[in-house]
Amino acid sequence: MHIPETGTYVLSDNLKLKVETEECGDRYEPSRAADCACLDASDIKFPLTLRHIQPGDRFVPFGMTGTKLVSDYLTDRKKNIFEKRAQLVLTDAQQRILWLVGERTDNRFRITPHTQRALRLTLQ
């Protein structure tokens, strides 16, 4: 699914993805919920793409410095083959993984004290 701009997108009968931007002040607290990701909007280029994982997909898990294969990350999290096949990722226009949906964000797009605008992604 391609996401050209902010808004609410219907993924299935009981699942929606809400994409919105917000201003970050001194007291901004990003959400820590698994179904929500808050990212630094300055480096993210639209359109976004929501897709299943592909062989060779790599990302930098939040809190780490090096890249990791998505398949290795899911194995470390004890996911079975069916959960791996169902795993969704959100990528930007440059095909960089922003979020393993419901799992973990990419460290390159984390909220920092210098972040002025945040991109909030929420599964509903």
PDB file of N, CA and C in Angstrom:
ATOM      1  N   MET A   1       0.842  -1.169   0.000  1.00  0.00           N
ATOM      2  CA  MET A   1       0.000   0.000   0.000  1.00  0.00           C
ATOM      3  C   MET A   1       0.889   1.234   0.000  1.00  0.00           C
ATOM      4  N   HIS A   2       0.584   2.178  -0.853  1.00  0.00           N
ATOM      5  CA  HIS A   2       1.322   3.436  -0.918  1.00  0.00           C
ATOM      6  C   HIS A   2       0.585   4.503  -0.116  1.00  0.00           C
ATOM      7  N   ILE A   3       1.345   5.281   0.626  1.00  0.00           N
ATOM      8  CA  ILE A   3       0.798   6.332   1.484  1.00  0.00           C
ATOM      9  C   ILE A   3       1.401   7.654   1.009  1.00  0.00           C
ATOM     10  N   PRO A   4       0.671   8.415   0.182  1.00  0.00           N
ATOM     11  CA  PRO A   4       1.238   9.618  -0.429  1.00  0.00           C
ATOM     12  C   PRO A   4       1.359  10.819   0.499  1.00  0.00           C
ATOM     13  N   GLU A   5       0.563  10.862   1.583  1.00  0.00           N
ATOM     14  CA  GLU A   5       0.564  12.015   2.478  1.00  0.00           C
ATOM     15  C   GLU A   5      -0.051  11.622   3.811  1.00  0.00           C
ATOM     16  N   THR A   6      -0.120  12.575   4.727  1.00  0.00           N
ATOM     17  CA  THR A   6      -0.721  12.290   6.031  1.00  0.00           C
ATOM     18  C   THR A   6      -2.211  12.018   5.858  1.00  0.00           C
ATOM     19  N   GLY A   7      -2.763  11.275   6.808  1.00  0.00           N
ATOM     20  CA  GLY A   7      -4.179  10.927   6.760  1.00  0.00           C
ATOM     21  C   GLY A   7      -4.401   9.564   7.390  1.00  0.00           C
ATOM     22  N   THR A   8      -5.609   9.036   7.232  1.00  0.00           N
ATOM     23  CA  THR A   8      -5.961   7.730   7.759  1.00  0.00           C
ATOM     24  C   THR A   8      -6.180   6.773   6.598  1.00  0.00           C
ATOM     25  N   TYR A   9      -5.532   5.612   6.656  1.00  0.00           N
ATOM     26  CA  TYR A   9      -5.577   4.629   5.575  1.00  0.00           C
ATOM     27  C   TYR A   9      -6.136   3.314   6.105  1.00  0.00           C
ATOM     28  N   VAL A  10      -7.087   2.747   5.371  1.00  0.00           N
ATOM     29  CA  VAL A  10      -7.723   1.498   5.772  1.00  0.00           C
ATOM     30  C   VAL A  10      -6.925   0.339   5.201  1.00  0.00           C
ATOM     31  N   LEU A  11      -6.409  -0.507   6.095  1.00  0.00           N
ATOM     32  CA  LEU A  11      -5.627  -1.663   5.678  1.00  0.00           C
ATOM     33  C   LEU A  11      -6.512  -2.892   5.512  1.00  0.00           C
ATOM     34  N   SER A  12      -7.484  -3.051   6.393  1.00  0.00           N
ATOM     35  CA  SER A  12      -8.455  -4.145   6.323  1.00  0.00           C
ATOM     36  C   SER A  12      -9.704  -3.697   7.072  1.00  0.00           C
ATOM     37  N   ASP A  13     -10.670  -4.590   7.189  1.00  0.00           N
ATOM     38  CA  ASP A  13     -11.921  -4.229   7.852  1.00  0.00           C
ATOM     39  C   ASP A  13     -11.727  -3.747   9.280  1.00  0.00           C
ATOM     40  N   ASN A  14     -10.751  -4.312   9.968  1.00  0.00           N
ATOM     41  CA  ASN A  14     -10.573  -3.960  11.377  1.00  0.00           C
ATOM     42  C   ASN A  14      -9.219  -3.318  11.675  1.00  0.00           C
ATOM     43  N   LEU A  15      -8.529  -2.827  10.648  1.00  0.00           N
ATOM     44  CA  LEU A  15      -7.203  -2.251  10.862  1.00  0.00           C
ATOM     45  C   LEU A  15      -7.007  -0.996  10.005  1.00  0.00           C
ATOM     46  N   LYS A  16      -6.611   0.099  10.677  1.00  0.00           N
ATOM     47  CA  LYS A  16      -6.340   1.368   9.997  1.00  0.00           C
ATOM     48  C   LYS A  16      -4.976   1.866  10.427  1.00  0.00           C
ATOM     49  N   LEU A  17      -4.336   2.649   9.562  1.00  0.00           N
ATOM     50  CA  LEU A  17      -3.074   3.297   9.883  1.00  0.00           C
ATOM     51  C   LEU A  17      -3.291   4.801   9.789  1.00  0.00           C
ATOM     52  N   LYS A  18      -3.061   5.487  10.897  1.00  0.00           N
ATOM     53  CA  LYS A  18      -3.203   6.938  10.933  1.00  0.00           C
ATOM     54  C   LYS A  18      -1.808   7.541  10.859  1.00  0.00           C
ATOM     55  N   VAL A  19      -1.595   8.447   9.897  1.00  0.00           N
ATOM     56  CA  VAL A  19      -0.306   9.115   9.687  1.00  0.00           C
ATOM     57  C   VAL A  19      -0.529  10.605   9.900  1.00  0.00           C
ATOM     58  N   GLU A  20       0.206  11.172  10.872  1.00  0.00           N
ATOM     59  CA  GLU A  20       0.037  12.595  11.165  1.00  0.00           C
ATOM     60  C   GLU A  20       1.368  13.197  11.585  1.00  0.00           C
ATOM     61  N   THR A  21       1.501  14.506  11.419  1.00  0.00           N
ATOM     62  CA  THR A  21       2.698  15.204  11.880  1.00  0.00           C
ATOM     63  C   THR A  21       2.317  16.057  13.084  1.00  0.00           C
ATOM     64  N   GLU A  22       3.292  16.269  13.972  1.00  0.00           N
ATOM     65  CA  GLU A  22       3.066  17.086  15.153  1.00  0.00           C
ATOM     66  C   GLU A  22       4.316  17.893  15.455  1.00  0.00           C
ATOM     67  N   GLU A  23       4.109  19.025  16.087  1.00  0.00           N
ATOM     68  CA  GLU A  23       5.222  19.860  16.511  1.00  0.00           C
ATOM     69  C   GLU A  23       5.862  19.253  17.752  1.00  0.00           C
ATOM     70  N   CYS A  24       7.171  19.347  17.841  1.00  0.00           N
ATOM     71  CA  CYS A  24       7.898  18.833  19.010  1.00  0.00           C
ATOM     72  C   CYS A  24       8.405  20.013  19.822  1.00  0.00           C
ATOM     73  N   GLY A  25       7.937  20.111  21.031  1.00  0.00           N
ATOM     74  CA  GLY A  25       8.428  21.146  21.935  1.00  0.00           C
ATOM     75  C   GLY A  25       9.458  20.555  22.884  1.00  0.00           C
ATOM     76  N   ASP A  26       9.811  21.337  23.886  1.00  0.00           N
ATOM     77  CA  ASP A  26      10.794  20.878  24.867  1.00  0.00           C
ATOM     78  C   ASP A  26      10.286  19.694  25.682  1.00  0.00           C
ATOM     79  N   ARG A  27       8.986  19.585  25.850  1.00  0.00           N
ATOM     80  CA  ARG A  27       8.411  18.535  26.681  1.00  0.00           C
ATOM     81  C   ARG A  27       7.745  17.429  25.865  1.00  0.00           C
ATOM     82  N   TYR A  28       8.092  17.310  24.605  1.00  0.00           N
ATOM     83  CA  TYR A  28       7.471  16.293  23.752  1.00  0.00           C
ATOM     84  C   TYR A  28       7.876  14.897  24.212  1.00  0.00           C
ATOM     85  N   GLU A  29       6.898  14.030  24.404  1.00  0.00           N
ATOM     86  CA  GLU A  29       7.138  12.644  24.796  1.00  0.00           C
ATOM     87  C   GLU A  29       6.621  11.728  23.694  1.00  0.00           C
ATOM     88  N   PRO A  30       7.504  11.014  22.995  1.00  0.00           N
ATOM     89  CA  PRO A  30       7.022  10.070  21.985  1.00  0.00           C
ATOM     90  C   PRO A  30       6.309   8.897  22.641  1.00  0.00           C
ATOM     91  N   SER A  31       5.349   8.343  21.939  1.00  0.00           N
ATOM     92  CA  SER A  31       4.604   7.199  22.449  1.00  0.00           C
ATOM     93  C   SER A  31       5.514   5.979  22.539  1.00  0.00           C
ATOM     94  N   ARG A  32       5.299   5.158  23.536  1.00  0.00           N
ATOM     95  CA  ARG A  32       6.060   3.928  23.706  1.00  0.00           C
ATOM     96  C   ARG A  32       5.204   2.696  23.424  1.00  0.00           C
ATOM     97  N   ALA A  33       3.982   2.900  22.954  1.00  0.00           N
ATOM     98  CA  ALA A  33       3.080   1.796  22.653  1.00  0.00           C
ATOM     99  C   ALA A  33       3.563   1.038  21.417  1.00  0.00           C
ATOM    100  N   ALA A  34       3.340  -0.264  21.394  1.00  0.00           N
ATOM    101  CA  ALA A  34       3.786  -1.091  20.271  1.00  0.00           C
ATOM    102  C   ALA A  34       3.051  -0.754  18.979  1.00  0.00           C
ATOM    103  N   ASP A  35       1.815  -0.266  19.089  1.00  0.00           N
ATOM    104  CA  ASP A  35       1.032   0.030  17.886  1.00  0.00           C
ATOM    105  C   ASP A  35       1.177   1.484  17.432  1.00  0.00           C
ATOM    106  N   CYS A  36       2.182   2.180  17.963  1.00  0.00           N
ATOM    107  CA  CYS A  36       2.414   3.577  17.605  1.00  0.00           C
ATOM    108  C   CYS A  36       3.914   3.820  17.445  1.00  0.00           C
ATOM    109  N   ALA A  37       4.279   4.566  16.422  1.00  0.00           N
ATOM    110  CA  ALA A  37       5.682   4.920  16.205  1.00  0.00           C
ATOM    111  C   ALA A  37       5.770   6.426  16.004  1.00  0.00           C
ATOM    112  N   CYS A  38       6.720   7.051  16.700  1.00  0.00           N
ATOM    113  CA  CYS A  38       6.974   8.483  16.543  1.00  0.00           C
ATOM    114  C   CYS A  38       8.382   8.637  15.985  1.00  0.00           C
ATOM    115  N   LEU A  39       8.483   9.284  14.827  1.00  0.00           N
ATOM    116  CA  LEU A  39       9.756   9.401  14.120  1.00  0.00           C
ATOM    117  C   LEU A  39      10.053  10.864  13.805  1.00  0.00           C
ATOM    118  N   ASP A  40      11.325  11.171  13.571  1.00  0.00           N
ATOM    119  CA  ASP A  40      11.744  12.507  13.173  1.00  0.00           C
ATOM    120  C   ASP A  40      11.321  12.720  11.718  1.00  0.00           C
ATOM    121  N   ALA A  41      10.443  13.671  11.472  1.00  0.00           N
ATOM    122  CA  ALA A  41       9.882  13.880  10.138  1.00  0.00           C
ATOM    123  C   ALA A  41      10.851  14.547   9.164  1.00  0.00           C
ATOM    124  N   SER A  42      11.948  15.109   9.648  1.00  0.00           N
ATOM    125  CA  SER A  42      12.833  15.890   8.780  1.00  0.00           C
ATOM    126  C   SER A  42      13.525  15.051   7.705  1.00  0.00           C
ATOM    127  N   ASP A  43      13.828  13.790   7.978  1.00  0.00           N
ATOM    128  CA  ASP A  43      14.528  12.942   7.014  1.00  0.00           C
ATOM    129  C   ASP A  43      13.614  12.025   6.216  1.00  0.00           C
ATOM    130  N   ILE A  44      12.339  12.015   6.525  1.00  0.00           N
ATOM    131  CA  ILE A  44      11.420  11.068   5.896  1.00  0.00           C
ATOM    132  C   ILE A  44      10.791  11.690   4.659  1.00  0.00           C
ATOM    133  N   LYS A  45      10.908  10.993   3.543  1.00  0.00           N
ATOM    134  CA  LYS A  45      10.369  11.452   2.262  1.00  0.00           C
ATOM    135  C   LYS A  45       9.152  10.614   1.884  1.00  0.00           C
ATOM    136  N   PHE A  46       8.052  11.294   1.555  1.00  0.00           N
ATOM    137  CA  PHE A  46       6.854  10.617   1.062  1.00  0.00           C
ATOM    138  C   PHE A  46       7.025  10.310  -0.411  1.00  0.00           C
ATOM    139  N   PRO A  47       6.375   9.319  -0.977  1.00  0.00           N
ATOM    140  CA  PRO A  47       5.349   8.465  -0.389  1.00  0.00           C
ATOM    141  C   PRO A  47       5.952   7.343   0.454  1.00  0.00           C
ATOM    142  N   LEU A  48       5.192   6.949   1.471  1.00  0.00           N
ATOM    143  CA  LEU A  48       5.563   5.812   2.296  1.00  0.00           C
ATOM    144  C   LEU A  48       4.952   4.557   1.683  1.00  0.00           C
ATOM    145  N   THR A  49       5.542   3.418   1.971  1.00  0.00           N
ATOM    146  CA  THR A  49       5.021   2.145   1.465  1.00  0.00           C
ATOM    147  C   THR A  49       4.903   1.167   2.623  1.00  0.00           C
ATOM    148  N   LEU A  50       3.735   0.561   2.747  1.00  0.00           N
ATOM    149  CA  LEU A  50       3.513  -0.486   3.735  1.00  0.00           C
ATOM    150  C   LEU A  50       3.498  -1.805   2.980  1.00  0.00           C
ATOM    151  N   ARG A  51       4.406  -2.717   3.359  1.00  0.00           N
ATOM    152  CA  ARG A  51       4.536  -3.977   2.634  1.00  0.00           C
ATOM    153  C   ARG A  51       5.012  -5.073   3.582  1.00  0.00           C
ATOM    154  N   HIS A  52       4.960  -6.312   3.081  1.00  0.00           N
ATOM    155  CA  HIS A  52       5.505  -7.434   3.836  1.00  0.00           C
ATOM    156  C   HIS A  52       7.029  -7.415   3.699  1.00  0.00           C
ATOM    157  N   ILE A  53       7.709  -8.093   4.628  1.00  0.00           N
ATOM    158  CA  ILE A  53       9.168  -8.125   4.562  1.00  0.00           C
ATOM    159  C   ILE A  53       9.611  -8.894   3.323  1.00  0.00           C
ATOM    160  N   GLN A  54      10.804  -8.562   2.866  1.00  0.00           N
ATOM    161  CA  GLN A  54      11.404  -9.221   1.708  1.00  0.00           C
ATOM    162  C   GLN A  54      12.780  -9.744   2.101  1.00  0.00           C
ATOM    163  N   PRO A  55      13.251 -10.784   1.416  1.00  0.00           N
ATOM    164  CA  PRO A  55      14.597 -11.298   1.724  1.00  0.00           C
ATOM    165  C   PRO A  55      15.640 -10.186   1.565  1.00  0.00           C
ATOM    166  N   GLY A  56      16.539 -10.090   2.526  1.00  0.00           N
ATOM    167  CA  GLY A  56      17.605  -9.092   2.464  1.00  0.00           C
ATOM    168  C   GLY A  56      17.262  -7.755   3.077  1.00  0.00           C
ATOM    169  N   ASP A  57      16.023  -7.566   3.565  1.00  0.00           N
ATOM    170  CA  ASP A  57      15.653  -6.309   4.217  1.00  0.00           C
ATOM    171  C   ASP A  57      16.533  -6.091   5.442  1.00  0.00           C
ATOM    172  N   ARG A  58      17.064  -4.880   5.570  1.00  0.00           N
ATOM    173  CA  ARG A  58      17.911  -4.516   6.711  1.00  0.00           C
ATOM    174  C   ARG A  58      17.388  -3.223   7.331  1.00  0.00           C
ATOM    175  N   PHE A  59      17.604  -3.097   8.647  1.00  0.00           N
ATOM    176  CA  PHE A  59      17.290  -1.850   9.342  1.00  0.00           C
ATOM    177  C   PHE A  59      18.205  -1.724  10.544  1.00  0.00           C
ATOM    178  N   VAL A  60      18.168  -0.552  11.190  1.00  0.00           N
ATOM    179  CA  VAL A  60      18.960  -0.306  12.394  1.00  0.00           C
ATOM    180  C   VAL A  60      17.964  -0.290  13.560  1.00  0.00           C
ATOM    181  N   PRO A  61      17.857  -1.372  14.327  1.00  0.00           N
ATOM    182  CA  PRO A  61      16.879  -1.407  15.418  1.00  0.00           C
ATOM    183  C   PRO A  61      17.103  -0.271  16.414  1.00  0.00           C
ATOM    184  N   PHE A  62      16.011   0.293  16.912  1.00  0.00           N
ATOM    185  CA  PHE A  62      16.084   1.397  17.869  1.00  0.00           C
ATOM    186  C   PHE A  62      16.994   1.007  19.027  1.00  0.00           C
ATOM    187  N   GLY A  63      17.943   1.889  19.352  1.00  0.00           N
ATOM    188  CA  GLY A  63      18.874   1.655  20.438  1.00  0.00           C
ATOM    189  C   GLY A  63      20.171   0.995  20.007  1.00  0.00           C
ATOM    190  N   MET A  64      20.288   0.612  18.736  1.00  0.00           N
ATOM    191  CA  MET A  64      21.501  -0.021  18.231  1.00  0.00           C
ATOM    192  C   MET A  64      22.177   0.903  17.222  1.00  0.00           C
ATOM    193  N   THR A  65      23.435   0.584  16.862  1.00  0.00           N
ATOM    194  CA  THR A  65      24.153   1.416  15.910  1.00  0.00           C
ATOM    195  C   THR A  65      24.345   0.726  14.564  1.00  0.00           C
ATOM    196  N   GLY A  66      24.425  -0.582  14.533  1.00  0.00           N
ATOM    197  CA  GLY A  66      24.657  -1.301  13.282  1.00  0.00           C
ATOM    198  C   GLY A  66      23.370  -1.830  12.679  1.00  0.00           C
ATOM    199  N   THR A  67      23.454  -2.200  11.391  1.00  0.00           N
ATOM    200  CA  THR A  67      22.279  -2.745  10.726  1.00  0.00           C
ATOM    201  C   THR A  67      22.087  -4.210  11.097  1.00  0.00           C
ATOM    202  N   LYS A  68      20.859  -4.663  10.922  1.00  0.00           N
ATOM    203  CA  LYS A  68      20.518  -6.053  11.202  1.00  0.00           C
ATOM    204  C   LYS A  68      19.494  -6.501  10.171  1.00  0.00           C
ATOM    205  N   LEU A  69      19.619  -7.762   9.732  1.00  0.00           N
ATOM    206  CA  LEU A  69      18.609  -8.313   8.843  1.00  0.00           C
ATOM    207  C   LEU A  69      17.289  -8.412   9.596  1.00  0.00           C
ATOM    208  N   VAL A  70      16.200  -8.027   8.939  1.00  0.00           N
ATOM    209  CA  VAL A  70      14.888  -8.112   9.565  1.00  0.00           C
ATOM    210  C   VAL A  70      14.594  -9.562   9.950  1.00  0.00           C
ATOM    211  N   SER A  71      14.958 -10.507   9.087  1.00  0.00           N
ATOM    212  CA  SER A  71      14.707 -11.920   9.379  1.00  0.00           C
ATOM    213  C   SER A  71      15.458 -12.363  10.635  1.00  0.00           C
ATOM    214  N   ASP A  72      16.693 -11.896  10.827  1.00  0.00           N
ATOM    215  CA  ASP A  72      17.456 -12.224  12.036  1.00  0.00           C
ATOM    216  C   ASP A  72      16.818 -11.597  13.275  1.00  0.00           C
ATOM    217  N   TYR A  73      16.353 -10.366  13.143  1.00  0.00           N
ATOM    218  CA  TYR A  73      15.694  -9.698  14.265  1.00  0.00           C
ATOM    219  C   TYR A  73      14.463 -10.491  14.696  1.00  0.00           C
ATOM    220  N   LEU A  74      13.655 -10.916  13.717  1.00  0.00           N
ATOM    221  CA  LEU A  74      12.439 -11.661  14.039  1.00  0.00           C
ATOM    222  C   LEU A  74      12.768 -13.028  14.638  1.00  0.00           C
ATOM    223  N   THR A  75      13.851 -13.660  14.181  1.00  0.00           N
ATOM    224  CA  THR A  75      14.290 -14.930  14.766  1.00  0.00           C
ATOM    225  C   THR A  75      14.710 -14.715  16.211  1.00  0.00           C
ATOM    226  N   ASP A  76      15.443 -13.650  16.480  1.00  0.00           N
ATOM    227  CA  ASP A  76      15.851 -13.330  17.850  1.00  0.00           C
ATOM    228  C   ASP A  76      14.644 -13.106  18.752  1.00  0.00           C
ATOM    229  N   ARG A  77      13.558 -12.602  18.195  1.00  0.00           N
ATOM    230  CA  ARG A  77      12.322 -12.350  18.947  1.00  0.00           C
ATOM    231  C   ARG A  77      11.444 -13.603  19.026  1.00  0.00           C
ATOM    232  N   LYS A  78      11.966 -14.741  18.553  1.00  0.00           N
ATOM    233  CA  LYS A  78      11.278 -16.046  18.629  1.00  0.00           C
ATOM    234  C   LYS A  78       9.979 -16.086  17.833  1.00  0.00           C
ATOM    235  N   LYS A  79       9.968 -15.423  16.677  1.00  0.00           N
ATOM    236  CA  LYS A  79       8.796 -15.442  15.798  1.00  0.00           C
ATOM    237  C   LYS A  79       8.827 -16.707  14.941  1.00  0.00           C
ATOM    238  N   ASN A  80       7.653 -17.325  14.759  1.00  0.00           N
ATOM    239  CA  ASN A  80       7.593 -18.501  13.898  1.00  0.00           C
ATOM    240  C   ASN A  80       7.450 -18.080  12.440  1.00  0.00           C
ATOM    241  N   ILE A  81       7.482 -19.033  11.543  1.00  0.00           N
ATOM    242  CA  ILE A  81       7.480 -18.744  10.096  1.00  0.00           C
ATOM    243  C   ILE A  81       6.217 -17.996   9.663  1.00  0.00           C
ATOM    244  N   PHE A  82       5.082 -18.299  10.291  1.00  0.00           N
ATOM    245  CA  PHE A  82       3.832 -17.628   9.926  1.00  0.00           C
ATOM    246  C   PHE A  82       3.844 -16.166  10.376  1.00  0.00           C
ATOM    247  N   GLU A  83       4.386 -15.915  11.559  1.00  0.00           N
ATOM    248  CA  GLU A  83       4.497 -14.538  12.047  1.00  0.00           C
ATOM    249  C   GLU A  83       5.489 -13.742  11.206  1.00  0.00           C
ATOM    250  N   LYS A  84       6.565 -14.390  10.768  1.00  0.00           N
ATOM    251  CA  LYS A  84       7.542 -13.709   9.908  1.00  0.00           C
ATOM    252  C   LYS A  84       6.925 -13.327   8.575  1.00  0.00           C
ATOM    253  N   ARG A  85       6.173 -14.242   7.981  1.00  0.00           N
ATOM    254  CA  ARG A  85       5.544 -13.953   6.682  1.00  0.00           C
ATOM    255  C   ARG A  85       4.499 -12.860   6.795  1.00  0.00           C
ATOM    256  N   ALA A  86       3.866 -12.735   7.949  1.00  0.00           N
ATOM    257  CA  ALA A  86       2.817 -11.725   8.142  1.00  0.00           C
ATOM    258  C   ALA A  86       3.376 -10.368   8.549  1.00  0.00           C
ATOM    259  N   GLN A  87       4.658 -10.299   8.897  1.00  0.00           N
ATOM    260  CA  GLN A  87       5.258  -9.054   9.385  1.00  0.00           C
ATOM    261  C   GLN A  87       5.251  -7.969   8.302  1.00  0.00           C
ATOM    262  N   LEU A  88       4.789  -6.785   8.679  1.00  0.00           N
ATOM    263  CA  LEU A  88       4.764  -5.639   7.781  1.00  0.00           C
ATOM    264  C   LEU A  88       5.892  -4.681   8.127  1.00  0.00           C
ATOM    265  N   VAL A  89       6.382  -3.978   7.118  1.00  0.00           N
ATOM    266  CA  VAL A  89       7.354  -2.909   7.317  1.00  0.00           C
ATOM    267  C   VAL A  89       6.838  -1.659   6.615  1.00  0.00           C
ATOM    268  N   LEU A  90       7.219  -0.514   7.149  1.00  0.00           N
ATOM    269  CA  LEU A  90       6.881   0.764   6.535  1.00  0.00           C
ATOM    270  C   LEU A  90       8.172   1.372   6.028  1.00  0.00           C
ATOM    271  N   THR A  91       8.213   1.703   4.736  1.00  0.00           N
ATOM    272  CA  THR A  91       9.416   2.276   4.136  1.00  0.00           C
ATOM    273  C   THR A  91       9.102   3.669   3.594  1.00  0.00           C
ATOM    274  N   ASP A  92      10.155   4.465   3.397  1.00  0.00           N
ATOM    275  CA  ASP A  92       9.978   5.801   2.821  1.00  0.00           C
ATOM    276  C   ASP A  92      10.248   5.746   1.320  1.00  0.00           C
ATOM    277  N   ALA A  93      10.307   6.896   0.681  1.00  0.00           N
ATOM    278  CA  ALA A  93      10.496   6.966  -0.771  1.00  0.00           C
ATOM    279  C   ALA A  93      11.843   6.396  -1.203  1.00  0.00           C
ATOM    280  N   GLN A  94      12.832   6.373  -0.307  1.00  0.00           N
ATOM    281  CA  GLN A  94      14.159   5.836  -0.622  1.00  0.00           C
ATOM    282  C   GLN A  94      14.285   4.364  -0.224  1.00  0.00           C
ATOM    283  N   GLN A  95      13.160   3.732   0.082  1.00  0.00           N
ATOM    284  CA  GLN A  95      13.090   2.315   0.456  1.00  0.00           C
ATOM    285  C   GLN A  95      13.825   1.990   1.750  1.00  0.00           C
ATOM    286  N   ARG A  96      14.014   2.983   2.622  1.00  0.00           N
ATOM    287  CA  ARG A  96      14.607   2.741   3.938  1.00  0.00           C
ATOM    288  C   ARG A  96      13.488   2.319   4.882  1.00  0.00           C
ATOM    289  N   ILE A  97      13.725   1.269   5.654  1.00  0.00           N
ATOM    290  CA  ILE A  97      12.719   0.802   6.600  1.00  0.00           C
ATOM    291  C   ILE A  97      12.648   1.783   7.767  1.00  0.00           C
ATOM    292  N   LEU A  98      11.447   2.310   8.010  1.00  0.00           N
ATOM    293  CA  LEU A  98      11.210   3.242   9.107  1.00  0.00           C
ATOM    294  C   LEU A  98      10.735   2.508  10.359  1.00  0.00           C
ATOM    295  N   TRP A  99       9.902   1.464  10.133  1.00  0.00           N
ATOM    296  CA  TRP A  99       9.228   0.804  11.251  1.00  0.00           C
ATOM    297  C   TRP A  99       8.906  -0.632  10.895  1.00  0.00           C
ATOM    298  N   LEU A 100       9.301  -1.562  11.749  1.00  0.00           N
ATOM    299  CA  LEU A 100       8.781  -2.925  11.707  1.00  0.00           C
ATOM    300  C   LEU A 100       7.465  -2.813  12.466  1.00  0.00           C
ATOM    301  N   VAL A 101       6.368  -2.818  11.756  1.00  0.00           N
ATOM    302  CA  VAL A 101       5.066  -2.470  12.315  1.00  0.00           C
ATOM    303  C   VAL A 101       4.745  -3.350  13.526  1.00  0.00           C
ATOM    304  N   GLY A 102       4.487  -2.678  14.639  1.00  0.00           N
ATOM    305  CA  GLY A 102       4.150  -3.357  15.879  1.00  0.00           C
ATOM    306  C   GLY A 102       5.350  -3.904  16.638  1.00  0.00           C
ATOM    307  N   GLU A 103       6.556  -3.734  16.091  1.00  0.00           N
ATOM    308  CA  GLU A 103       7.759  -4.290  16.724  1.00  0.00           C
ATOM    309  C   GLU A 103       8.742  -3.207  17.157  1.00  0.00           C
ATOM    310  N   ARG A 104       9.380  -2.573  16.185  1.00  0.00           N
ATOM    311  CA  ARG A 104      10.470  -1.652  16.513  1.00  0.00           C
ATOM    312  C   ARG A 104      10.693  -0.645  15.395  1.00  0.00           C
ATOM    313  N   THR A 105      11.093   0.573  15.772  1.00  0.00           N
ATOM    314  CA  THR A 105      11.410   1.601  14.787  1.00  0.00           C
ATOM    315  C   THR A 105      12.890   1.535  14.429  1.00  0.00           C
ATOM    316  N   ASP A 106      13.251   2.251  13.372  1.00  0.00           N
ATOM    317  CA  ASP A 106      14.641   2.339  12.946  1.00  0.00           C
ATOM    318  C   ASP A 106      15.315   3.468  13.721  1.00  0.00           C
ATOM    319  N   ASN A 107      16.485   3.200  14.254  1.00  0.00           N
ATOM    320  CA  ASN A 107      17.206   4.158  15.091  1.00  0.00           C
ATOM    321  C   ASN A 107      17.584   5.439  14.339  1.00  0.00           C
ATOM    322  N   ARG A 108      17.739   5.363  13.019  1.00  0.00           N
ATOM    323  CA  ARG A 108      18.130   6.546  12.236  1.00  0.00           C
ATOM    324  C   ARG A 108      17.050   7.624  12.238  1.00  0.00           C
ATOM    325  N   PHE A 109      15.816   7.257  12.566  1.00  0.00           N
ATOM    326  CA  PHE A 109      14.691   8.198  12.511  1.00  0.00           C
ATOM    327  C   PHE A 109      14.120   8.485  13.901  1.00  0.00           C
ATOM    328  N   ARG A 110      14.912   8.252  14.942  1.00  0.00           N
ATOM    329  CA  ARG A 110      14.440   8.441  16.316  1.00  0.00           C
ATOM    330  C   ARG A 110      14.241   9.934  16.616  1.00  0.00           C
ATOM    331  N   ILE A 111      13.423  10.187  17.625  1.00  0.00           N
ATOM    332  CA  ILE A 111      13.198  11.543  18.112  1.00  0.00           C
ATOM    333  C   ILE A 111      14.401  11.945  18.964  1.00  0.00           C
ATOM    334  N   THR A 112      14.978  13.098  18.670  1.00  0.00           N
ATOM    335  CA  THR A 112      16.125  13.620  19.429  1.00  0.00           C
ATOM    336  C   THR A 112      15.744  14.983  20.011  1.00  0.00           C
ATOM    337  N   PRO A 113      16.594  15.567  20.857  1.00  0.00           N
ATOM    338  CA  PRO A 113      16.298  16.916  21.370  1.00  0.00           C
ATOM    339  C   PRO A 113      16.246  17.978  20.262  1.00  0.00           C
ATOM    340  N   HIS A 114      16.818  17.678  19.090  1.00  0.00           N
ATOM    341  CA  HIS A 114      16.833  18.628  17.977  1.00  0.00           C
ATOM    342  C   HIS A 114      15.637  18.469  17.033  1.00  0.00           C
ATOM    343  N   THR A 115      14.806  17.475  17.273  1.00  0.00           N
ATOM    344  CA  THR A 115      13.648  17.218  16.410  1.00  0.00           C
ATOM    345  C   THR A 115      12.638  18.346  16.546  1.00  0.00           C
ATOM    346  N   GLN A 116      12.211  18.883  15.394  1.00  0.00           N
ATOM    347  CA  GLN A 116      11.225  19.967  15.405  1.00  0.00           C
ATOM    348  C   GLN A 116       9.833  19.463  15.059  1.00  0.00           C
ATOM    349  N   ARG A 117       9.748  18.488  14.118  1.00  0.00           N
ATOM    350  CA  ARG A 117       8.464  17.912  13.727  1.00  0.00           C
ATOM    351  C   ARG A 117       8.559  16.394  13.801  1.00  0.00           C
ATOM    352  N   ALA A 118       7.509  15.799  14.347  1.00  0.00           N
ATOM    353  CA  ALA A 118       7.466  14.341  14.473  1.00  0.00           C
ATOM    354  C   ALA A 118       6.404  13.778  13.536  1.00  0.00           C
ATOM    355  N   LEU A 119       6.654  12.603  13.028  1.00  0.00           N
ATOM    356  CA  LEU A 119       5.681  11.855  12.238  1.00  0.00           C
ATOM    357  C   LEU A 119       5.166  10.760  13.150  1.00  0.00           C
ATOM    358  N   ARG A 120       3.870  10.812  13.456  1.00  0.00           N
ATOM    359  CA  ARG A 120       3.255   9.814  14.338  1.00  0.00           C
ATOM    360  C   ARG A 120       2.460   8.826  13.488  1.00  0.00           C
ATOM    361  N   LEU A 121       2.776   7.546  13.633  1.00  0.00           N
ATOM    362  CA  LEU A 121       2.102   6.468  12.914  1.00  0.00           C
ATOM    363  C   LEU A 121       1.380   5.610  13.939  1.00  0.00           C
ATOM    364  N   THR A 122       0.069   5.462  13.776  1.00  0.00           N
ATOM    365  CA  THR A 122      -0.725   4.743  14.768  1.00  0.00           C
ATOM    366  C   THR A 122      -1.602   3.707  14.091  1.00  0.00           C
ATOM    367  N   LEU A 123      -1.506   2.462  14.564  1.00  0.00           N
ATOM    368  CA  LEU A 123      -2.422   1.412  14.114  1.00  0.00           C
ATOM    369  C   LEU A 123      -3.686   1.502  14.959  1.00  0.00           C
ATOM    370  N   GLN A 124      -4.837   1.472  14.306  1.00  0.00           N
ATOM    371  CA  GLN A 124      -6.108   1.565  15.029  1.00  0.00           C
ATOM    372  C   GLN A 124      -6.974   0.376  14.729  1.00  0.00           C
TER     373      GLN A 124
END
